[in-house]
Amino acid sequence: MNIERRILQSLRPRREGVLLRSEVNHFGSASQVSAALKSLSEKGLIAKLSRGVYAKPEKVLQCGEATLQKLAQIKRHKQQTLARKRVKQQHTDPAAIYVRQLAKR
């Protein structure tokens, strides 16, 4: 399956209609994902709102760019919060603490 199809399949079930670049980075190399996003944008299948933020064109017409930009900010904040929690959890994991202490010795 090509990257463009995977991106569209990822975007299709989203009610809010917003897609962050970071959510599709794992579909291929950075240049492949960039080319796919650019191609989809040129075809009018997705709308580029800002750097790394894309949306369904019908949602842009329905809600407006400003609203979708706010949703993108909220999504980014949630991702960052979850990432911080994962890092904190790793640092408090007893096995991780043991391995760090062992490495220091």
N, C-alpha and C. Protein backbone atom coordinates (compact mmCIF):
# COMPACT_ATOMS: atom_id res chain seq x y z
N MET A 1 0.85 -1.18 0.00
CA MET A 1 0.00 0.00 0.00
C MET A 1 0.90 1.24 0.00
N ASN A 2 0.57 2.21 -0.83
CA ASN A 2 1.43 3.38 -0.88
C ASN A 2 1.14 4.34 0.28
N ILE A 3 2.05 5.27 0.46
CA ILE A 3 1.99 6.17 1.62
C ILE A 3 0.78 7.09 1.53
N GLU A 4 0.46 7.55 0.34
CA GLU A 4 -0.70 8.45 0.19
C GLU A 4 -1.98 7.77 0.68
N ARG A 5 -2.17 6.52 0.28
CA ARG A 5 -3.37 5.79 0.72
C ARG A 5 -3.38 5.60 2.23
N ARG A 6 -2.23 5.31 2.79
CA ARG A 6 -2.16 5.13 4.25
C ARG A 6 -2.49 6.42 4.98
N ILE A 7 -2.01 7.54 4.45
CA ILE A 7 -2.32 8.84 5.07
C ILE A 7 -3.82 9.10 5.00
N LEU A 8 -4.42 8.88 3.84
CA LEU A 8 -5.86 9.10 3.70
C LEU A 8 -6.66 8.16 4.60
N GLN A 9 -6.22 6.92 4.73
CA GLN A 9 -6.91 5.98 5.61
C GLN A 9 -6.78 6.42 7.07
N SER A 10 -5.65 7.00 7.40
CA SER A 10 -5.45 7.49 8.77
C SER A 10 -6.35 8.69 9.06
N LEU A 11 -6.55 9.52 8.07
CA LEU A 11 -7.34 10.74 8.25
C LEU A 11 -8.84 10.47 8.19
N ARG A 12 -9.25 9.49 7.42
CA ARG A 12 -10.68 9.24 7.17
C ARG A 12 -11.51 9.08 8.45
N PRO A 13 -11.12 8.25 9.42
CA PRO A 13 -12.01 8.05 10.57
C PRO A 13 -11.97 9.17 11.63
N ARG A 14 -11.14 10.15 11.46
CA ARG A 14 -11.02 11.22 12.47
C ARG A 14 -12.19 12.19 12.37
N ARG A 15 -12.91 12.31 13.47
CA ARG A 15 -14.05 13.22 13.48
C ARG A 15 -13.60 14.67 13.39
N GLU A 16 -12.50 15.00 14.09
CA GLU A 16 -12.05 16.39 14.09
C GLU A 16 -11.41 16.78 12.77
N GLY A 17 -10.97 15.80 12.00
CA GLY A 17 -10.43 16.07 10.67
C GLY A 17 -9.05 16.66 10.62
N VAL A 18 -8.33 16.63 11.73
CA VAL A 18 -6.98 17.22 11.80
C VAL A 18 -5.95 16.11 11.86
N LEU A 19 -4.87 16.29 11.11
CA LEU A 19 -3.80 15.32 11.06
C LEU A 19 -2.48 16.04 11.28
N LEU A 20 -1.70 15.56 12.24
CA LEU A 20 -0.37 16.11 12.48
C LEU A 20 0.66 15.27 11.74
N ARG A 21 1.66 15.92 11.24
CA ARG A 21 2.73 15.22 10.52
C ARG A 21 3.34 14.13 11.40
N SER A 22 3.49 14.41 12.67
CA SER A 22 4.10 13.45 13.59
C SER A 22 3.30 12.15 13.69
N GLU A 23 2.02 12.19 13.35
CA GLU A 23 1.18 11.00 13.41
C GLU A 23 1.37 10.07 12.22
N VAL A 24 1.99 10.55 11.15
CA VAL A 24 2.19 9.72 9.96
C VAL A 24 3.66 9.54 9.60
N ASN A 25 4.56 10.03 10.44
CA ASN A 25 5.99 9.91 10.16
C ASN A 25 6.44 8.47 10.00
N HIS A 26 5.81 7.56 10.69
CA HIS A 26 6.23 6.16 10.66
C HIS A 26 5.79 5.44 9.38
N PHE A 27 5.08 6.11 8.48
CA PHE A 27 4.64 5.49 7.24
C PHE A 27 5.76 5.33 6.21
N GLY A 28 6.84 6.03 6.40
CA GLY A 28 7.95 5.96 5.46
C GLY A 28 9.05 6.91 5.88
N SER A 29 10.02 7.10 5.00
CA SER A 29 11.10 8.03 5.32
C SER A 29 10.55 9.46 5.30
N ALA A 30 11.31 10.38 5.84
CA ALA A 30 10.86 11.77 5.91
C ALA A 30 10.55 12.33 4.53
N SER A 31 11.41 12.04 3.55
CA SER A 31 11.18 12.57 2.20
C SER A 31 9.97 11.92 1.54
N GLN A 32 9.74 10.63 1.79
CA GLN A 32 8.58 9.95 1.22
C GLN A 32 7.28 10.53 1.78
N VAL A 33 7.26 10.74 3.09
CA VAL A 33 6.06 11.29 3.73
C VAL A 33 5.83 12.72 3.24
N SER A 34 6.89 13.50 3.12
CA SER A 34 6.76 14.88 2.62
C SER A 34 6.19 14.89 1.21
N ALA A 35 6.71 14.03 0.35
CA ALA A 35 6.23 13.97 -1.03
C ALA A 35 4.77 13.55 -1.08
N ALA A 36 4.38 12.58 -0.25
CA ALA A 36 2.99 12.12 -0.22
C ALA A 36 2.05 13.22 0.27
N LEU A 37 2.43 13.92 1.32
CA LEU A 37 1.60 15.01 1.84
C LEU A 37 1.48 16.14 0.82
N LYS A 38 2.57 16.46 0.17
CA LYS A 38 2.54 17.52 -0.85
C LYS A 38 1.64 17.12 -2.01
N SER A 39 1.75 15.87 -2.46
CA SER A 39 0.93 15.39 -3.55
C SER A 39 -0.55 15.41 -3.20
N LEU A 40 -0.88 14.94 -2.00
CA LEU A 40 -2.28 14.95 -1.56
C LEU A 40 -2.82 16.37 -1.46
N SER A 41 -1.97 17.28 -1.01
CA SER A 41 -2.38 18.67 -0.88
C SER A 41 -2.62 19.29 -2.26
N GLU A 42 -1.73 18.99 -3.21
CA GLU A 42 -1.88 19.53 -4.56
C GLU A 42 -3.13 18.97 -5.25
N LYS A 43 -3.48 17.73 -4.94
CA LYS A 43 -4.67 17.10 -5.52
C LYS A 43 -5.96 17.59 -4.86
N GLY A 44 -5.83 18.28 -3.72
CA GLY A 44 -7.00 18.78 -3.02
C GLY A 44 -7.65 17.77 -2.09
N LEU A 45 -6.94 16.66 -1.83
CA LEU A 45 -7.50 15.63 -0.95
C LEU A 45 -7.29 15.94 0.52
N ILE A 46 -6.27 16.76 0.81
CA ILE A 46 -6.05 17.28 2.15
C ILE A 46 -5.69 18.75 2.03
N ALA A 47 -5.88 19.48 3.10
CA ALA A 47 -5.55 20.91 3.11
C ALA A 47 -4.42 21.13 4.11
N LYS A 48 -3.41 21.86 3.69
CA LYS A 48 -2.31 22.19 4.60
C LYS A 48 -2.67 23.47 5.33
N LEU A 49 -2.72 23.37 6.67
CA LEU A 49 -3.07 24.54 7.47
C LEU A 49 -1.84 25.32 7.87
N SER A 50 -0.81 24.61 8.27
CA SER A 50 0.46 25.22 8.65
C SER A 50 1.51 24.12 8.62
N ARG A 51 2.71 24.45 9.05
CA ARG A 51 3.79 23.49 9.04
C ARG A 51 3.44 22.29 9.91
N GLY A 52 3.32 21.11 9.27
CA GLY A 52 3.05 19.89 10.00
C GLY A 52 1.60 19.67 10.39
N VAL A 53 0.70 20.53 9.92
CA VAL A 53 -0.72 20.41 10.27
C VAL A 53 -1.55 20.34 8.98
N TYR A 54 -2.32 19.27 8.86
CA TYR A 54 -3.16 19.04 7.69
C TYR A 54 -4.58 18.74 8.16
N ALA A 55 -5.53 18.93 7.26
CA ALA A 55 -6.93 18.68 7.62
C ALA A 55 -7.71 18.23 6.40
N LYS A 56 -8.89 17.68 6.66
CA LYS A 56 -9.81 17.35 5.59
C LYS A 56 -10.32 18.67 5.01
N PRO A 57 -10.34 18.81 3.69
CA PRO A 57 -10.81 20.07 3.09
C PRO A 57 -12.23 20.44 3.51
N GLU A 58 -13.11 19.44 3.63
CA GLU A 58 -14.49 19.76 4.02
C GLU A 58 -14.57 20.28 5.45
N LYS A 59 -13.65 19.85 6.31
CA LYS A 59 -13.64 20.35 7.69
C LYS A 59 -13.15 21.79 7.73
N VAL A 60 -12.22 22.14 6.83
CA VAL A 60 -11.74 23.52 6.76
C VAL A 60 -12.89 24.44 6.37
N LEU A 61 -13.68 24.01 5.40
CA LEU A 61 -14.84 24.81 4.98
C LEU A 61 -15.90 24.88 6.08
N GLN A 62 -16.08 23.77 6.78
CA GLN A 62 -17.12 23.69 7.81
C GLN A 62 -16.75 24.47 9.07
N CYS A 63 -15.52 24.27 9.55
CA CYS A 63 -15.11 24.83 10.84
C CYS A 63 -14.24 26.08 10.74
N GLY A 64 -13.51 26.18 9.66
CA GLY A 64 -12.58 27.30 9.50
C GLY A 64 -11.18 26.92 9.96
N GLU A 65 -10.20 27.59 9.37
CA GLU A 65 -8.79 27.28 9.68
C GLU A 65 -8.43 27.56 11.13
N ALA A 66 -8.93 28.66 11.67
CA ALA A 66 -8.57 29.05 13.04
C ALA A 66 -8.99 27.97 14.05
N THR A 67 -10.18 27.45 13.89
CA THR A 67 -10.67 26.40 14.80
C THR A 67 -9.82 25.15 14.69
N LEU A 68 -9.49 24.76 13.47
CA LEU A 68 -8.68 23.56 13.28
C LEU A 68 -7.25 23.76 13.79
N GLN A 69 -6.73 24.97 13.69
CA GLN A 69 -5.40 25.26 14.24
C GLN A 69 -5.42 25.08 15.76
N LYS A 70 -6.49 25.53 16.40
CA LYS A 70 -6.62 25.34 17.85
C LYS A 70 -6.66 23.86 18.20
N LEU A 71 -7.42 23.08 17.42
CA LEU A 71 -7.47 21.63 17.64
C LEU A 71 -6.09 21.01 17.49
N ALA A 72 -5.33 21.47 16.51
CA ALA A 72 -3.98 20.96 16.30
C ALA A 72 -3.09 21.28 17.49
N GLN A 73 -3.22 22.48 18.03
CA GLN A 73 -2.45 22.85 19.22
C GLN A 73 -2.79 21.96 20.40
N ILE A 74 -4.06 21.66 20.56
CA ILE A 74 -4.50 20.79 21.65
C ILE A 74 -3.93 19.39 21.46
N LYS A 75 -3.98 18.88 20.23
CA LYS A 75 -3.44 17.55 19.95
C LYS A 75 -1.94 17.49 20.24
N ARG A 76 -1.21 18.53 19.81
CA ARG A 76 0.23 18.57 20.07
C ARG A 76 0.51 18.57 21.57
N HIS A 77 -0.25 19.37 22.29
CA HIS A 77 -0.06 19.45 23.74
C HIS A 77 -0.31 18.09 24.39
N LYS A 78 -1.36 17.40 23.96
CA LYS A 78 -1.65 16.06 24.50
C LYS A 78 -0.53 15.09 24.20
N GLN A 79 0.00 15.14 22.97
CA GLN A 79 1.11 14.26 22.60
C GLN A 79 2.34 14.53 23.46
N GLN A 80 2.64 15.80 23.68
CA GLN A 80 3.80 16.16 24.49
C GLN A 80 3.61 15.72 25.94
N THR A 81 2.40 15.88 26.45
CA THR A 81 2.11 15.46 27.82
C THR A 81 2.27 13.95 27.97
N LEU A 82 1.75 13.20 27.01
CA LEU A 82 1.88 11.74 27.07
C LEU A 82 3.34 11.31 26.96
N ALA A 83 4.10 11.99 26.12
CA ALA A 83 5.51 11.66 25.98
C ALA A 83 6.26 11.92 27.29
N ARG A 84 5.95 13.03 27.94
CA ARG A 84 6.59 13.33 29.23
C ARG A 84 6.23 12.28 30.28
N LYS A 85 4.97 11.85 30.28
CA LYS A 85 4.54 10.83 31.24
C LYS A 85 5.28 9.52 31.01
N ARG A 86 5.45 9.16 29.72
CA ARG A 86 6.18 7.93 29.40
C ARG A 86 7.62 8.00 29.88
N VAL A 87 8.26 9.14 29.66
CA VAL A 87 9.65 9.31 30.11
C VAL A 87 9.73 9.25 31.62
N LYS A 88 8.81 9.93 32.29
CA LYS A 88 8.80 9.92 33.74
C LYS A 88 8.57 8.51 34.27
N GLN A 89 7.67 7.78 33.63
CA GLN A 89 7.36 6.42 34.04
C GLN A 89 8.59 5.52 33.86
N GLN A 90 9.33 5.72 32.80
CA GLN A 90 10.53 4.94 32.56
C GLN A 90 11.57 5.20 33.65
N HIS A 91 11.64 6.44 34.10
CA HIS A 91 12.62 6.78 35.12
C HIS A 91 12.23 6.25 36.50
N THR A 92 10.96 5.98 36.71
CA THR A 92 10.53 5.47 38.01
C THR A 92 10.33 3.97 38.00
N ASP A 93 10.50 3.34 36.87
CA ASP A 93 10.39 1.89 36.76
C ASP A 93 11.53 1.24 37.54
N PRO A 94 11.24 0.35 38.51
CA PRO A 94 12.30 -0.26 39.33
C PRO A 94 13.38 -0.97 38.51
N ALA A 95 12.98 -1.61 37.44
CA ALA A 95 13.97 -2.29 36.60
C ALA A 95 14.90 -1.27 35.95
N ALA A 96 14.33 -0.16 35.51
CA ALA A 96 15.16 0.88 34.88
C ALA A 96 16.13 1.48 35.89
N ILE A 97 15.66 1.69 37.11
CA ILE A 97 16.53 2.22 38.15
C ILE A 97 17.67 1.25 38.43
N TYR A 98 17.35 -0.02 38.51
CA TYR A 98 18.37 -1.04 38.76
C TYR A 98 19.41 -1.06 37.64
N VAL A 99 18.94 -0.98 36.40
CA VAL A 99 19.87 -1.04 35.27
C VAL A 99 20.76 0.21 35.27
N ARG A 100 20.21 1.38 35.57
CA ARG A 100 21.03 2.60 35.63
C ARG A 100 22.09 2.50 36.73
N GLN A 101 21.68 1.98 37.89
CA GLN A 101 22.63 1.84 39.00
C GLN A 101 23.72 0.84 38.62
N LEU A 102 23.32 -0.23 37.97
CA LEU A 102 24.28 -1.25 37.54
C LEU A 102 25.26 -0.66 36.53
N ALA A 103 24.77 0.14 35.62
CA ALA A 103 25.62 0.78 34.60
C ALA A 103 26.62 1.73 35.25
N LYS A 104 26.18 2.44 36.28
CA LYS A 104 27.10 3.36 36.97
C LYS A 104 28.23 2.62 37.65
N ARG A 105 27.90 1.44 38.22
CA ARG A 105 28.94 0.64 38.87
C ARG A 105 29.94 0.13 37.88
